[in-house]
Protein backbone atom coordinates (compact mmCIF):
# COMPACT_ATOMS: atom_id res chain seq x y z
CA UNK A 1 -1.65 11.88 9.86
CA UNK A 2 2.02 12.74 9.53
CA UNK A 3 3.58 13.03 6.13
CA UNK A 4 5.50 9.97 5.08
CA UNK A 5 9.11 10.00 6.24
CA UNK A 6 10.39 10.32 2.68
CA UNK A 7 8.29 13.43 2.11
CA UNK A 8 9.57 14.92 5.38
CA UNK A 9 13.14 14.10 4.40
CA UNK A 10 12.62 15.72 1.01
CA UNK A 11 11.39 18.93 2.62
CA UNK A 12 14.35 18.94 5.04
CA UNK A 13 16.79 18.44 2.19
CA UNK A 14 15.23 21.34 0.30
CA UNK A 15 15.61 23.53 3.38
CA UNK A 16 19.25 22.54 3.88
CA UNK A 17 20.00 23.10 0.20
CA UNK A 18 18.39 26.54 0.29
CA UNK A 19 20.38 27.57 3.34
CA UNK A 20 23.62 26.59 1.60
CA UNK A 21 22.96 28.70 -1.51
CA UNK A 22 24.23 32.28 -1.91
CA UNK A 23 21.68 34.88 -0.91
CA UNK A 24 21.33 36.09 -4.50
CA UNK A 25 19.84 32.77 -5.66
CA UNK A 26 16.15 31.88 -5.42
CA UNK A 27 15.35 29.19 -2.85
CA UNK A 28 13.53 26.06 -4.09
CA UNK A 29 9.78 26.21 -3.82
CA UNK A 30 7.93 24.04 -1.32
CA UNK A 31 5.25 21.68 -2.67
CA UNK A 32 2.00 23.42 -3.55
CA UNK A 33 -1.24 22.73 -1.71
CA UNK A 34 -2.41 20.66 -4.69
CA UNK A 35 0.75 18.55 -4.93
CA UNK A 36 0.44 14.78 -5.22
CA UNK A 37 3.12 13.34 -2.95
CA UNK A 38 4.33 9.70 -2.99
CA UNK A 39 3.47 7.84 0.19
CA UNK A 40 4.28 4.50 1.76
CA UNK A 41 2.77 2.94 4.85
CA UNK A 42 5.11 2.69 7.82
CA UNK A 43 3.69 2.40 11.31
CA UNK A 44 6.07 3.55 14.07
CA UNK A 45 7.60 0.79 16.20
CA UNK A 46 6.15 2.33 19.35
CA UNK A 47 2.61 1.94 17.99
CA UNK A 48 3.20 -1.77 17.40
CA UNK A 49 4.79 -2.20 20.82
CA UNK A 50 1.80 -0.51 22.47
CA UNK A 51 -0.55 -2.81 20.55
CA UNK A 52 1.30 -5.93 21.68
CA UNK A 53 1.14 -4.75 25.29
CA UNK A 54 -2.60 -4.12 25.05
CA UNK A 55 -3.16 -7.56 23.54
CA UNK A 56 -1.08 -9.19 26.29
CA UNK A 57 -3.19 -7.50 28.97
CA UNK A 58 -6.59 -7.72 27.28
CA UNK A 59 -9.57 -8.50 29.49
CA UNK A 60 -12.18 -10.47 27.56
CA UNK A 61 -15.91 -10.42 28.23
CA UNK A 62 -17.73 -13.17 30.07
CA UNK A 63 -19.38 -15.73 27.84
CA UNK A 64 -22.09 -18.35 27.75
CA UNK A 65 -20.96 -21.84 26.75
CA UNK A 66 -21.81 -23.08 23.29
CA UNK A 67 -23.48 -19.93 21.94
CA UNK A 68 -21.33 -19.75 18.80
CA UNK A 69 -22.07 -16.51 16.94
CA UNK A 70 -25.66 -16.16 18.18
CA UNK A 71 -24.87 -13.43 20.72
CA UNK A 72 -22.41 -11.63 18.46
CA UNK A 73 -18.67 -12.16 18.17
CA UNK A 74 -17.83 -15.80 18.86
CA UNK A 75 -15.82 -15.89 22.14
CA UNK A 76 -13.72 -18.89 21.19
CA UNK A 77 -12.75 -17.50 17.81
CA UNK A 78 -11.96 -14.08 19.29
CA UNK A 79 -9.56 -15.67 21.81
CA UNK A 80 -7.89 -17.61 19.00
CA UNK A 81 -7.66 -14.54 16.79
CA UNK A 82 -6.29 -12.34 19.59
CA UNK A 83 -3.59 -14.91 20.43
CA UNK A 84 -2.59 -15.13 16.77
CA UNK A 85 -2.53 -11.34 16.55
CA UNK A 86 -0.30 -11.06 19.61
CA UNK A 87 2.14 -13.89 18.85
CA UNK A 88 2.22 -14.61 15.12
CA UNK A 89 0.74 -11.84 12.99
CA UNK A 90 3.42 -9.95 11.01
CA UNK A 91 2.28 -6.40 10.29
CA UNK A 92 5.56 -5.51 8.61
CA UNK A 93 4.93 -8.24 6.02
CA UNK A 94 1.50 -6.75 5.33
CA UNK A 95 3.02 -3.29 5.01
CA UNK A 96 5.46 -4.60 2.42
CA UNK A 97 2.62 -6.26 0.52
CA UNK A 98 0.48 -3.11 0.48
CA UNK A 99 3.45 -0.91 -0.39
CA UNK A 100 3.95 -2.84 -3.62
CA UNK A 101 1.08 -0.69 -4.90
CA UNK A 102 2.05 2.93 -5.65
CA UNK A 103 0.44 5.20 -3.05
CA UNK A 104 0.10 8.93 -2.73
CA UNK A 105 -1.34 11.75 -0.66
CA UNK A 106 -2.82 15.07 -1.72
CA UNK A 107 -4.82 17.75 0.08
CA UNK A 108 -8.44 18.29 -1.00
CA UNK A 109 -11.04 20.31 0.88
CA UNK A 110 -8.63 20.70 3.79
CA UNK A 111 -7.99 16.97 4.19
CA UNK A 112 -4.97 14.86 3.37
CA UNK A 113 -6.35 12.21 1.02
CA UNK A 114 -4.55 8.88 0.72
CA UNK A 115 -4.94 6.69 -2.35
CA UNK A 116 -3.48 3.85 -4.36
CA UNK A 117 -2.90 4.78 -8.01
CA UNK A 118 -1.77 2.09 -10.45
CA UNK A 119 -1.52 3.02 -14.13
CA UNK A 120 -1.87 0.34 -16.78
CA UNK A 121 0.94 -0.17 -19.28
CA UNK A 122 -1.70 -0.57 -21.98
CA UNK A 123 -2.79 2.47 -24.04
CA UNK A 124 -6.46 3.28 -23.88
CA UNK A 125 -6.87 2.01 -20.33
CA UNK A 126 -10.04 3.34 -18.71
CA UNK A 127 -9.50 5.18 -15.40
CA UNK A 128 -11.49 3.38 -12.69
CA UNK A 129 -12.21 4.82 -9.25
CA UNK A 130 -12.85 2.07 -6.68
CA UNK A 131 -14.83 3.03 -3.56
CA UNK A 132 -15.15 0.65 -0.63
CA UNK A 133 -17.39 0.79 2.42
CA UNK A 134 -17.27 -0.13 6.10
CA UNK A 135 -15.67 -2.03 7.77
CA UNK A 136 -13.60 -2.53 4.67
CA UNK A 137 -10.34 -0.89 3.60
CA UNK A 138 -8.25 -0.31 0.49
CA UNK A 139 -7.06 -3.91 0.93
CA UNK A 140 -10.45 -5.16 -0.28
CA UNK A 141 -9.20 -4.57 -3.83
CA UNK A 142 -5.71 -6.08 -3.51
CA UNK A 143 -6.65 -9.24 -5.39
CA UNK A 144 -8.06 -7.40 -8.40
CA UNK A 145 -5.55 -4.59 -8.93
CA UNK A 146 -3.26 -6.76 -11.06
CA UNK A 147 -6.03 -8.23 -13.25
CA UNK A 148 -7.56 -4.79 -13.74
CA UNK A 149 -4.37 -2.99 -14.74
CA UNK A 150 -2.64 -5.84 -16.60
CA UNK A 151 -5.36 -8.28 -17.66
CA UNK A 152 -3.23 -10.10 -20.24
CA UNK A 153 -0.93 -11.34 -17.46
CA UNK A 154 -3.93 -12.85 -15.68
CA UNK A 155 -5.61 -14.61 -18.58
CA UNK A 156 -7.65 -11.60 -19.73
CA UNK A 157 -7.68 -9.23 -22.71
CA UNK A 158 -5.42 -6.18 -22.95
CA UNK A 159 -8.34 -4.09 -24.19
CA UNK A 160 -10.02 -4.54 -20.78
CA UNK A 161 -7.26 -2.57 -19.03
CA UNK A 162 -7.94 0.04 -16.36
CA UNK A 163 -5.92 2.68 -14.56
CA UNK A 164 -6.93 2.08 -10.95
CA UNK A 165 -7.47 4.71 -8.23
CA UNK A 166 -8.40 3.45 -4.74
CA UNK A 167 -8.79 6.20 -2.12
CA UNK A 168 -9.19 5.88 1.62
CA UNK A 169 -12.41 7.73 2.48
CA UNK A 170 -12.17 10.78 4.75
CA UNK A 171 -11.91 9.46 8.31
CA UNK A 172 -10.88 6.00 7.10
CA UNK A 173 -7.41 4.47 7.18
CA UNK A 174 -4.57 6.71 6.03
CA UNK A 175 -6.68 9.67 4.88
CA UNK A 176 -7.22 12.65 7.15
CA UNK A 177 -10.16 12.95 9.54
CA UNK A 178 -12.85 15.59 9.05
CA UNK A 179 -12.56 18.43 11.56
CA UNK A 180 -16.10 19.72 11.14
CA UNK A 181 -19.65 18.45 10.81
CA UNK A 182 -21.28 17.62 7.51
CA UNK A 183 -18.65 15.54 5.74
CA UNK A 184 -21.25 13.20 4.26
CA UNK A 185 -21.98 11.68 0.88
CA UNK A 186 -22.13 14.94 -1.09
CA UNK A 187 -18.82 16.34 0.15
CA UNK A 188 -17.03 13.02 -0.24
CA UNK A 189 -18.26 12.71 -3.83
CA UNK A 190 -16.96 16.22 -4.52
CA UNK A 191 -13.55 15.20 -3.15
CA UNK A 192 -13.36 12.26 -5.54
CA UNK A 193 -14.35 14.43 -8.50
CA UNK A 194 -11.48 16.79 -7.60
CA UNK A 195 -9.08 13.90 -7.13
CA UNK A 196 -9.76 12.43 -10.57
CA UNK A 197 -9.40 15.87 -12.18
CA UNK A 198 -6.14 16.46 -10.33
CA UNK A 199 -4.80 13.15 -11.63
CA UNK A 200 -5.54 14.31 -15.17
CA UNK A 201 -8.56 12.15 -15.94
CA UNK A 202 -11.25 14.13 -17.82
CA UNK A 203 -13.26 10.92 -18.27
CA UNK A 204 -13.37 8.02 -15.82
CA UNK A 205 -15.50 5.16 -14.50
CA UNK A 206 -16.52 4.46 -10.90
CA UNK A 207 -17.27 1.32 -8.93
CA UNK A 208 -18.73 1.39 -5.44
CA UNK A 209 -19.55 -1.10 -2.70
CA UNK A 210 -21.63 -0.43 0.44
CA UNK A 211 -20.97 3.21 1.46
CA UNK A 212 -18.96 3.51 -1.73
CA UNK A 213 -22.12 2.63 -3.65
CA UNK A 214 -23.94 5.68 -2.28
CA UNK A 215 -20.95 7.93 -2.81
CA UNK A 216 -20.51 6.59 -6.34
CA UNK A 217 -24.16 7.32 -7.14
CA UNK A 218 -23.82 10.91 -5.91
CA UNK A 219 -20.60 11.29 -7.87
CA UNK A 220 -22.36 10.13 -11.04
CA UNK A 221 -24.99 12.84 -10.50
CA UNK A 222 -22.65 15.67 -9.51
CA UNK A 223 -19.90 14.90 -12.06
CA UNK A 224 -22.00 13.28 -14.78
CA UNK A 225 -20.12 15.06 -17.57
CA UNK A 226 -16.95 13.14 -16.64
CA UNK A 227 -18.26 9.76 -15.42
CA UNK A 228 -18.31 7.25 -18.27
CA UNK A 229 -20.15 4.57 -16.33
CA UNK A 230 -21.06 3.41 -12.85
CA UNK A 231 -20.85 -0.13 -11.46
CA UNK A 232 -22.36 -0.76 -8.03
CA UNK A 233 -22.57 -3.59 -5.51
CA UNK A 234 -25.39 -3.19 -4.69
CA UNK A 235 -27.72 -0.83 -6.57
CA UNK A 236 -29.86 0.08 -3.57
CA UNK A 237 -33.20 1.41 -4.73
CA UNK A 238 -35.43 0.88 -1.75
CA UNK A 239 -35.31 1.28 2.01
CA UNK A 240 -32.51 -0.46 3.92
CA UNK A 241 -33.18 -3.70 5.73
CA UNK A 242 -35.13 -3.22 8.97
CA UNK A 243 -33.89 -6.35 10.78
CA UNK A 244 -32.37 -4.93 13.94
CA UNK A 245 -30.22 -8.04 14.44
CA UNK A 246 -28.21 -7.06 11.38
CA UNK A 247 -28.55 -3.28 11.48
CA UNK A 248 -28.12 -2.52 15.18
CA UNK A 249 -24.52 -1.48 14.47
CA UNK A 250 -25.86 1.04 11.95
CA UNK A 251 -28.23 2.54 14.49
CA UNK A 252 -25.41 2.93 17.02
CA UNK A 253 -22.93 4.43 14.56
CA UNK A 254 -25.48 6.74 12.97
CA UNK A 255 -26.82 8.12 16.28
CA UNK A 256 -24.05 7.88 18.92
CA UNK A 257 -20.80 7.05 17.10
CA UNK A 258 -18.65 8.74 19.70
CA UNK A 259 -19.94 6.44 22.45
CA UNK A 260 -18.89 3.21 20.77
CA UNK A 261 -15.85 5.03 19.43
CA UNK A 262 -14.03 5.15 22.77
CA UNK A 263 -14.00 1.36 22.92
CA UNK A 264 -12.88 1.10 19.30
CA UNK A 265 -10.00 3.51 19.94
CA UNK A 266 -8.87 2.07 23.28
CA UNK A 267 -9.23 -1.69 22.92
CA UNK A 268 -7.73 -3.63 19.99
CA UNK A 269 -9.73 -6.71 21.00
CA UNK A 270 -12.89 -4.61 21.11
CA UNK A 271 -12.14 -3.21 17.65
CA UNK A 272 -11.47 -6.71 16.30
CA UNK A 273 -14.74 -8.01 17.72
CA UNK A 274 -16.71 -5.09 16.23
CA UNK A 275 -15.18 -5.57 12.77
CA UNK A 276 -14.64 -9.33 12.44
CA UNK A 277 -18.18 -10.12 13.56
CA UNK A 278 -19.32 -8.16 10.48
CA UNK A 279 -17.02 -10.18 8.22
CA UNK A 280 -18.62 -13.32 9.65
CA UNK A 281 -22.20 -12.09 9.43
CA UNK A 282 -22.01 -10.48 6.00
CA UNK A 283 -20.01 -13.03 4.00
CA UNK A 284 -21.01 -16.22 2.19
CA UNK A 285 -19.06 -18.94 4.02
CA UNK A 286 -21.55 -21.50 5.38
CA UNK A 287 -20.33 -21.15 8.94
CA UNK A 288 -16.55 -21.28 8.50
CA UNK A 289 -15.15 -17.76 8.17
CA UNK A 290 -11.69 -18.98 7.23
CA UNK A 291 -13.04 -20.66 4.11
CA UNK A 292 -12.94 -17.14 2.71
CA UNK A 293 -10.46 -15.09 4.71
CA UNK A 294 -7.21 -15.92 6.43
CA UNK A 295 -6.46 -14.53 9.86
CA UNK A 296 -3.86 -12.31 8.19
CA UNK A 297 -6.51 -10.82 5.90
CA UNK A 298 -8.93 -10.20 8.75
CA UNK A 299 -6.28 -8.69 10.99
CA UNK A 300 -4.90 -6.47 8.21
CA UNK A 301 -8.35 -4.89 7.94
CA UNK A 302 -8.50 -4.42 11.72
CA UNK A 303 -4.94 -3.09 11.81
CA UNK A 304 -5.61 -0.37 9.25
CA UNK A 305 -8.32 0.98 11.56
CA UNK A 306 -6.19 0.46 14.70
CA UNK A 307 -2.88 2.04 13.65
CA UNK A 308 -4.66 5.09 12.21
CA UNK A 309 -7.13 5.34 15.13
CA UNK A 310 -10.03 5.59 12.67
CA UNK A 311 -12.53 3.27 14.32
CA UNK A 312 -14.37 6.34 15.61
CA UNK A 313 -13.88 8.70 12.67
CA UNK A 314 -15.10 6.07 10.21
CA UNK A 315 -18.27 5.73 12.30
CA UNK A 316 -18.87 9.49 12.00
CA UNK A 317 -19.75 8.83 8.37
CA UNK A 318 -22.87 6.96 9.48
CA UNK A 319 -24.00 9.94 11.56
CA UNK A 320 -23.46 12.32 8.66
CA UNK A 321 -25.40 10.16 6.24
CA UNK A 322 -28.30 9.75 8.68
CA UNK A 323 -28.54 13.50 9.23
CA UNK A 324 -27.78 14.77 5.72
CA UNK A 325 -30.52 16.56 3.79
CA UNK A 326 -29.33 15.27 0.43
CA UNK A 327 -32.20 13.84 -1.62
CA UNK A 328 -31.45 10.89 -3.94
CA UNK A 329 -31.40 12.08 -7.54
CA UNK A 330 -31.85 10.14 -10.74
CA UNK A 331 -28.57 8.68 -11.97
CA UNK A 332 -28.54 9.02 -15.75
CA UNK A 333 -25.02 7.65 -16.17
CA UNK A 334 -25.07 4.06 -17.53
CA UNK A 335 -25.13 1.75 -14.52
CA UNK A 336 -24.25 -1.88 -13.95
CA UNK A 337 -25.60 -3.65 -10.86
CA UNK A 338 -23.95 -6.73 -9.37
CA UNK A 339 -26.09 -8.16 -6.58
CA UNK A 340 -24.07 -10.34 -4.23
CA UNK A 341 -27.17 -11.38 -2.34
CA UNK A 342 -25.49 -13.18 0.56
CA UNK A 343 -25.15 -9.84 2.27
CA UNK A 344 -26.34 -8.91 5.74
CA UNK A 345 -29.92 -8.40 4.51
CA UNK A 346 -30.06 -11.73 2.58
CA UNK A 347 -32.30 -10.30 -0.12
CA UNK A 348 -33.83 -12.69 -2.67
CA UNK A 349 -32.18 -12.45 -6.13
CA UNK A 350 -33.71 -9.74 -8.29
CA UNK A 351 -35.88 -8.40 -5.49
CA UNK A 352 -34.56 -4.86 -5.74
CA UNK A 353 -34.25 -4.43 -9.51
CA UNK A 354 -37.56 -2.64 -10.02
CA UNK A 355 -36.75 -0.26 -7.17
CA UNK A 356 -33.22 0.31 -8.46
CA UNK A 357 -34.50 1.17 -11.93
CA UNK A 358 -36.44 4.08 -10.49
CA UNK A 359 -33.13 5.68 -9.51
CA UNK A 360 -30.50 4.31 -11.89
CA UNK A 361 -30.08 3.99 -15.64
CA UNK A 362 -29.64 0.22 -15.28
CA UNK A 363 -27.97 -1.32 -18.33
CA UNK A 364 -26.73 -4.53 -16.71
CA UNK A 365 -28.07 -6.54 -13.77
CA UNK A 366 -26.35 -9.63 -12.40
CA UNK A 367 -27.65 -11.79 -9.55
CA UNK A 368 -24.55 -13.53 -8.25
CA UNK A 369 -24.75 -17.14 -7.11
CA UNK A 370 -22.16 -16.56 -4.41
CA UNK A 371 -20.67 -13.70 -2.45
CA UNK A 372 -21.54 -11.12 0.17
CA UNK A 373 -20.54 -7.73 1.49
CA UNK A 374 -16.87 -7.66 0.41
CA UNK A 375 -17.16 -9.02 -3.15
CA UNK A 376 -13.79 -8.00 -4.60
CA UNK A 377 -12.05 -9.74 -1.70
CA UNK A 378 -14.51 -12.61 -1.24
CA UNK A 379 -15.31 -13.50 -4.86
CA UNK A 380 -12.73 -11.59 -6.92
CA UNK A 381 -13.27 -13.48 -10.18
CA UNK A 382 -17.05 -13.02 -10.17
CA UNK A 383 -16.61 -9.34 -9.33
CA UNK A 384 -13.90 -8.88 -11.95
CA UNK A 385 -15.83 -10.59 -14.74
CA UNK A 386 -18.87 -8.40 -14.17
CA UNK A 387 -16.86 -5.17 -14.00
CA UNK A 388 -14.99 -5.99 -17.20
CA UNK A 389 -18.12 -7.01 -19.07
CA UNK A 390 -20.08 -3.92 -18.10
CA UNK A 391 -17.39 -1.37 -18.94
CA UNK A 392 -16.60 -2.89 -22.35
CA UNK A 393 -19.45 -0.86 -23.74
CA UNK A 394 -18.38 2.40 -22.07
CA UNK A 395 -14.73 2.91 -22.97
């Protein structure tokens, strides 16, 4: 991923300035390898033009009449979504919305790491690392950033303030892509420990969802001296669901990610079908996806994968986790578990608590009445209330 244009301009200006100085003067130093550089999202016009052309010439799959979502991505909804994407979706408006949050890049373990970092104005704010999963993005947390960092402005209490750090995982979105095997849970957790230290946080909390839940658990083991508390959605304690109707994607991405990856990199409609079908299948909406998410929200998630060409590299993570030798260790850090049970596995409330307690130091367990796989986006108030309540005892 190229450096943001402002960072490039800054380097050029430094070079020009140095050339203009007398030879006896010391030239300005270039940023160090550990520098934290401001970043803003700006997709080149040619990338957007190419996307529009691909959408205009998309060839859709044959379909059976009246099958709905039974065979996978609903054909009628995909046609509607693709037409909206081509003719009405405004990516520049979404860029402006996302760029309201301060963003940065820094290099850790050879990768450029992208992250949102919003500091609270309130003293005593607890640093909170937010870790999403797949096929989610940093945008999953857009609705809760304000209430977390400035709770008093959203009807909350100032003493519940957080400094928020939301990174893009390696191979996801605007972070760099691993260039070698083995970038699984353990290495990613080590990256986040380094990131929080680099930002000057000797003590911080972590919250993880989906893949972020596993990474958060490993982080709490490897960096236990600095993690004040861990909040997970979910606290997986047993084996994953075995229903192949809902986990077939996992089998593909964890065994042959490169094969499906060519379609995800070459076809925007194919990428949208692969991702949006998961939003439909893993969310609590009673059949109408747009009860929860607008087309703009769905397409922003798809776009972040498309414009960064990370449909394939994000799938590599599944392969690494399937083939890693890391053994789950006991998490002694205080842990809060929020079970949004309308997930892809549709587990009965409380069914995993006994298993979770064998791995985690469970101090709080909440069976949510609503919500699924993307809780901070789908049910932000329920998610927010549970996070605030749990961390009140660990500031």
